Structure formats: C-alpha cells, structure tokens
Protein backbone atom coordinates (compact mmCIF):
# COMPACT_ATOMS: atom_id res chain seq x y z
CA UNK A 1 131.29 43.85 235.08
CA UNK A 2 132.18 40.72 233.15
CA UNK A 3 132.29 41.16 229.38
CA UNK A 4 129.09 40.20 227.62
CA UNK A 5 126.76 40.51 230.61
CA UNK A 6 123.98 43.11 230.53
CA UNK A 7 124.23 45.72 233.25
CA UNK A 8 122.82 48.99 234.50
CA UNK A 9 125.33 51.64 235.49
CA UNK A 10 125.33 55.08 237.06
CA UNK A 11 128.25 57.46 236.69
CA UNK A 12 128.73 60.39 239.06
CA UNK A 13 131.12 62.39 236.90
CA UNK A 14 134.50 62.73 238.58
CA UNK A 15 133.53 60.36 241.39
CA UNK A 16 133.15 56.60 241.16
CA UNK A 17 129.84 55.20 239.95
CA UNK A 18 127.88 52.00 240.48
CA UNK A 19 127.03 49.03 238.24
CA UNK A 20 124.36 46.37 238.66
CA UNK A 21 124.50 43.16 236.62
CA UNK A 22 121.13 42.26 235.08
CA UNK A 23 120.62 38.56 235.64
CA UNK A 24 117.32 38.21 233.75
CA UNK A 25 116.65 40.89 231.15
CA UNK A 26 113.00 39.86 230.78
CA UNK A 27 112.28 40.40 234.47
CA UNK A 28 114.39 43.56 234.89
CA UNK A 29 112.05 46.55 235.40
CA UNK A 30 112.29 49.25 232.74
CA UNK A 31 111.76 51.87 235.47
CA UNK A 32 114.75 50.69 237.57
CA UNK A 33 116.72 53.94 237.14
CA UNK A 34 113.70 56.08 237.97
CA UNK A 35 113.06 53.95 241.05
CA UNK A 36 116.61 54.49 242.32
CA UNK A 37 116.51 58.26 241.74
CA UNK A 38 113.00 58.49 243.20
CA UNK A 39 114.21 56.68 246.30
CA UNK A 40 117.23 58.96 246.63
CA UNK A 41 114.92 61.98 246.44
CA UNK A 42 112.36 60.34 248.76
CA UNK A 43 109.59 60.75 246.15
CA UNK A 44 106.35 58.81 246.05
CA UNK A 45 106.19 56.32 243.16
CA UNK A 46 103.19 58.14 241.63
CA UNK A 47 105.52 61.08 240.95
CA UNK A 48 108.06 59.11 238.93
CA UNK A 49 106.27 56.00 237.60
CA UNK A 50 104.27 57.81 234.94
CA UNK A 51 105.42 61.23 233.90
CA UNK A 52 102.99 64.09 233.87
CA UNK A 53 102.03 65.32 230.42
CA UNK A 54 102.83 68.98 229.88
CA UNK A 55 102.40 71.04 226.77
CA UNK A 56 105.42 72.52 225.04
CA UNK A 57 104.81 76.07 226.23
CA UNK A 58 104.72 75.06 229.91
CA UNK A 59 107.96 73.10 229.49
CA UNK A 60 109.54 76.06 227.67
CA UNK A 61 108.66 78.41 230.53
CA UNK A 62 110.22 76.05 233.08
CA UNK A 63 113.43 75.78 231.04
CA UNK A 64 113.73 79.56 230.69
CA UNK A 65 113.08 80.00 234.42
CA UNK A 66 115.75 77.41 235.27
CA UNK A 67 118.24 79.00 232.85
CA UNK A 68 117.75 82.36 234.54
CA UNK A 69 118.27 80.89 238.02
CA UNK A 70 121.32 78.89 236.82
CA UNK A 71 123.05 81.89 235.19
CA UNK A 72 125.17 82.86 238.25
CA UNK A 73 126.55 79.30 238.45
CA UNK A 74 127.10 78.71 234.72
CA UNK A 75 130.81 77.99 234.41
CA UNK A 76 130.56 77.79 230.60
CA UNK A 77 130.00 81.52 230.30
CA UNK A 78 133.07 83.70 230.17
CA UNK A 79 133.64 85.90 233.18
CA UNK A 80 133.45 89.62 232.50
C-alpha cells in the first residue's frame, strides 16, 4: 500500500493478509469488514448489519460457556 493512502487490511496471523486501498473515504462503507466476514460465513445481512442488543448477563453466560468449551484447546494454560 502506498504511503499516505487510506486502506483497510486483514491479517491472518502467521499467514499473509489482504489490503484494500480506500479511494474515497466518504463513500467507503463503515460496515465493509462486517460485510466481508458475513460473506465468508454465508450469513444474511440482517445478522451482521445491526447487532442484536443483549443484556450483560446473557453475554456473560455466553462467554463462560465458550471458555468452558475452549478449555481443552487453550494453549496458554500449562499442561499438567
């Protein structure tokens, strides 16, 4: 990407990523990243355009559930 140009980039960790130069910042959609991920996941726009409002307790339960499911794959924990 040329220096000084606005761009949108995606990094895939240890693999190469992608960059897209933004030609007109005023016409560039603010939901561009969500649109790309939604397309990759084959999701309908209504599912990613406007997020669903959830209360804190519902979000907390989902995080705890995910943490429990993730525990066997968590490489940051020391092996016993």
